[in-house]
Amino acid sequence: MFRVAEAPLVADPLPKIQITAAQKNRAALMKKRSEIRIGMPRVLNMYSQTPIFTGYFASLGIKAEKPGV
């Protein structure tokens, strides 16, 4: 798996104050971001672009996992 050395986190932080239902819903969705799993095929041209997409998803706050996990 490709690792990105230092991808800056560009995702919005969790809201500190959650008063309205919309704010609570947004906070819940942002917490689920760490559970997202994105599969990338290692065939054709995608294999050469994997480092780009790995860095992109890491900067959005999606954690990288080992293949087959």
N, C-alpha and C. Protein backbone atom coordinates (compact mmCIF):
# COMPACT_ATOMS: atom_id res chain seq x y z
N MET A 1 0.84 -1.17 0.00
CA MET A 1 0.00 0.00 0.00
C MET A 1 0.89 1.24 0.00
N PHE A 2 0.46 2.25 -0.67
CA PHE A 2 1.21 3.49 -0.73
C PHE A 2 0.90 4.34 0.49
N ARG A 3 1.91 4.93 1.05
CA ARG A 3 1.74 5.80 2.20
C ARG A 3 2.11 7.22 1.81
N VAL A 4 1.36 8.16 2.31
CA VAL A 4 1.64 9.56 2.07
C VAL A 4 2.39 10.07 3.29
N ALA A 5 3.55 10.66 3.07
CA ALA A 5 4.39 11.08 4.19
C ALA A 5 3.68 12.11 5.07
N GLU A 6 3.31 13.22 4.51
CA GLU A 6 2.66 14.27 5.29
C GLU A 6 1.57 14.91 4.45
N ALA A 7 0.38 14.37 4.53
CA ALA A 7 -0.75 14.95 3.83
C ALA A 7 -1.48 15.87 4.80
N PRO A 8 -1.52 17.17 4.53
CA PRO A 8 -2.22 18.07 5.46
C PRO A 8 -3.72 17.79 5.47
N LEU A 9 -4.30 17.84 6.64
CA LEU A 9 -5.73 17.60 6.79
C LEU A 9 -6.49 18.85 6.40
N VAL A 10 -7.30 18.75 5.35
CA VAL A 10 -8.04 19.91 4.86
C VAL A 10 -9.53 19.81 5.20
N ALA A 11 -9.93 18.73 5.84
CA ALA A 11 -11.33 18.54 6.20
C ALA A 11 -11.71 19.49 7.33
N ASP A 12 -12.96 19.89 7.37
CA ASP A 12 -13.45 20.77 8.43
C ASP A 12 -13.39 20.05 9.77
N PRO A 13 -13.03 20.76 10.84
CA PRO A 13 -13.06 20.12 12.16
C PRO A 13 -14.50 19.93 12.63
N LEU A 14 -14.67 19.06 13.62
CA LEU A 14 -16.00 18.86 14.19
C LEU A 14 -16.48 20.15 14.84
N PRO A 15 -17.75 20.49 14.69
CA PRO A 15 -18.26 21.70 15.34
C PRO A 15 -18.22 21.55 16.86
N LYS A 16 -17.77 22.60 17.55
CA LYS A 16 -17.66 22.55 19.01
C LYS A 16 -19.03 22.63 19.67
N ILE A 17 -19.90 23.45 19.11
CA ILE A 17 -21.23 23.62 19.68
C ILE A 17 -22.24 22.99 18.72
N GLN A 18 -23.06 22.10 19.25
CA GLN A 18 -24.06 21.42 18.43
C GLN A 18 -25.42 21.66 19.04
N ILE A 19 -26.07 22.69 18.55
CA ILE A 19 -27.37 23.07 19.12
C ILE A 19 -28.51 22.55 18.26
N THR A 20 -28.46 22.82 16.99
CA THR A 20 -29.57 22.45 16.11
C THR A 20 -29.43 21.00 15.64
N ALA A 21 -30.52 20.47 15.11
CA ALA A 21 -30.51 19.11 14.60
C ALA A 21 -29.57 18.98 13.40
N ALA A 22 -29.48 20.02 12.59
CA ALA A 22 -28.59 19.99 11.43
C ALA A 22 -27.13 19.91 11.86
N GLN A 23 -26.78 20.64 12.91
CA GLN A 23 -25.40 20.60 13.42
C GLN A 23 -25.09 19.23 14.01
N LYS A 24 -26.03 18.64 14.71
CA LYS A 24 -25.81 17.31 15.29
C LYS A 24 -25.69 16.26 14.20
N ASN A 25 -26.50 16.38 13.16
CA ASN A 25 -26.44 15.44 12.05
C ASN A 25 -25.11 15.56 11.32
N ARG A 26 -24.66 16.78 11.10
CA ARG A 26 -23.38 17.00 10.42
C ARG A 26 -22.22 16.44 11.24
N ALA A 27 -22.26 16.61 12.55
CA ALA A 27 -21.21 16.08 13.42
C ALA A 27 -21.19 14.55 13.37
N ALA A 28 -22.37 13.94 13.35
CA ALA A 28 -22.44 12.48 13.28
C ALA A 28 -21.87 11.97 11.96
N LEU A 29 -22.18 12.66 10.87
CA LEU A 29 -21.65 12.27 9.56
C LEU A 29 -20.14 12.44 9.50
N MET A 30 -19.62 13.48 10.14
CA MET A 30 -18.18 13.71 10.13
C MET A 30 -17.46 12.66 10.96
N LYS A 31 -18.08 12.16 12.02
CA LYS A 31 -17.48 11.11 12.83
C LYS A 31 -17.43 9.79 12.07
N LYS A 32 -18.41 9.55 11.20
CA LYS A 32 -18.45 8.32 10.41
C LYS A 32 -17.40 8.32 9.31
N ARG A 33 -16.79 9.46 9.05
CA ARG A 33 -15.80 9.57 7.98
C ARG A 33 -14.63 8.62 8.20
N SER A 34 -14.27 8.36 9.46
CA SER A 34 -13.15 7.47 9.73
C SER A 34 -13.49 6.02 9.42
N GLU A 35 -14.77 5.69 9.28
CA GLU A 35 -15.18 4.32 8.99
C GLU A 35 -15.34 4.05 7.49
N ILE A 36 -15.19 5.06 6.68
CA ILE A 36 -15.36 4.89 5.23
C ILE A 36 -14.23 4.02 4.69
N ARG A 37 -14.59 3.12 3.81
CA ARG A 37 -13.60 2.26 3.18
C ARG A 37 -13.75 2.38 1.66
N ILE A 38 -12.67 2.73 1.00
CA ILE A 38 -12.68 2.93 -0.44
C ILE A 38 -11.76 1.89 -1.07
N GLY A 39 -12.30 1.09 -1.97
CA GLY A 39 -11.50 0.09 -2.67
C GLY A 39 -11.00 0.65 -3.98
N MET A 40 -9.72 0.43 -4.24
CA MET A 40 -9.13 0.92 -5.49
C MET A 40 -8.54 -0.27 -6.25
N PRO A 41 -8.94 -0.48 -7.48
CA PRO A 41 -8.38 -1.60 -8.26
C PRO A 41 -6.91 -1.34 -8.61
N ARG A 42 -6.15 -2.39 -8.64
CA ARG A 42 -4.73 -2.27 -8.97
C ARG A 42 -4.47 -2.77 -10.39
N VAL A 43 -5.28 -2.36 -11.29
CA VAL A 43 -5.11 -2.78 -12.68
C VAL A 43 -5.09 -1.55 -13.58
N LEU A 44 -4.60 -1.76 -14.75
CA LEU A 44 -4.54 -0.73 -15.78
C LEU A 44 -3.86 0.54 -15.27
N ASN A 45 -4.43 1.68 -15.48
CA ASN A 45 -3.80 2.95 -15.15
C ASN A 45 -3.99 3.34 -13.69
N MET A 46 -4.93 2.73 -12.98
CA MET A 46 -5.20 3.11 -11.60
C MET A 46 -4.00 2.86 -10.69
N TYR A 47 -3.21 1.82 -11.00
CA TYR A 47 -2.06 1.50 -10.15
C TYR A 47 -1.05 2.65 -10.13
N SER A 48 -0.87 3.31 -11.23
CA SER A 48 0.08 4.42 -11.28
C SER A 48 -0.46 5.67 -10.60
N GLN A 49 -1.78 5.78 -10.46
CA GLN A 49 -2.37 6.95 -9.83
C GLN A 49 -2.72 6.73 -8.36
N THR A 50 -2.42 5.57 -7.83
CA THR A 50 -2.75 5.27 -6.44
C THR A 50 -2.15 6.27 -5.45
N PRO A 51 -0.88 6.68 -5.58
CA PRO A 51 -0.34 7.65 -4.61
C PRO A 51 -1.12 8.97 -4.60
N ILE A 52 -1.61 9.39 -5.74
CA ILE A 52 -2.36 10.64 -5.81
C ILE A 52 -3.67 10.52 -5.03
N PHE A 53 -4.40 9.44 -5.28
CA PHE A 53 -5.68 9.25 -4.61
C PHE A 53 -5.50 8.94 -3.12
N THR A 54 -4.44 8.22 -2.77
CA THR A 54 -4.19 7.94 -1.36
C THR A 54 -3.94 9.24 -0.60
N GLY A 55 -3.16 10.13 -1.17
CA GLY A 55 -2.93 11.43 -0.53
C GLY A 55 -4.19 12.27 -0.47
N TYR A 56 -5.00 12.21 -1.51
CA TYR A 56 -6.25 12.97 -1.55
C TYR A 56 -7.20 12.52 -0.45
N PHE A 57 -7.39 11.20 -0.32
CA PHE A 57 -8.30 10.70 0.70
C PHE A 57 -7.74 10.92 2.10
N ALA A 58 -6.42 10.83 2.27
CA ALA A 58 -5.82 11.08 3.58
C ALA A 58 -6.02 12.54 4.00
N SER A 59 -5.95 13.45 3.05
CA SER A 59 -6.15 14.86 3.40
C SER A 59 -7.60 15.16 3.74
N LEU A 60 -8.53 14.31 3.29
CA LEU A 60 -9.94 14.48 3.64
C LEU A 60 -10.30 13.83 4.97
N GLY A 61 -9.34 13.13 5.56
CA GLY A 61 -9.58 12.52 6.86
C GLY A 61 -9.99 11.06 6.80
N ILE A 62 -9.86 10.42 5.66
CA ILE A 62 -10.18 9.01 5.52
C ILE A 62 -8.91 8.21 5.78
N LYS A 63 -8.95 7.33 6.75
CA LYS A 63 -7.77 6.58 7.15
C LYS A 63 -7.41 5.53 6.11
N ALA A 64 -6.11 5.30 5.92
CA ALA A 64 -5.63 4.27 5.00
C ALA A 64 -5.56 2.94 5.73
N GLU A 65 -5.90 1.87 5.03
CA GLU A 65 -5.83 0.53 5.59
C GLU A 65 -5.02 -0.35 4.65
N LYS A 66 -4.55 -1.44 5.19
CA LYS A 66 -3.82 -2.40 4.37
C LYS A 66 -4.80 -3.13 3.46
N PRO A 67 -4.37 -3.53 2.27
CA PRO A 67 -5.26 -4.29 1.38
C PRO A 67 -5.62 -5.64 2.01
N GLY A 68 -6.82 -6.07 1.75
CA GLY A 68 -7.27 -7.35 2.24
C GLY A 68 -7.77 -7.34 3.67
N VAL A 69 -7.85 -6.18 4.28
CA VAL A 69 -8.29 -6.09 5.67
C VAL A 69 -9.78 -5.85 5.70
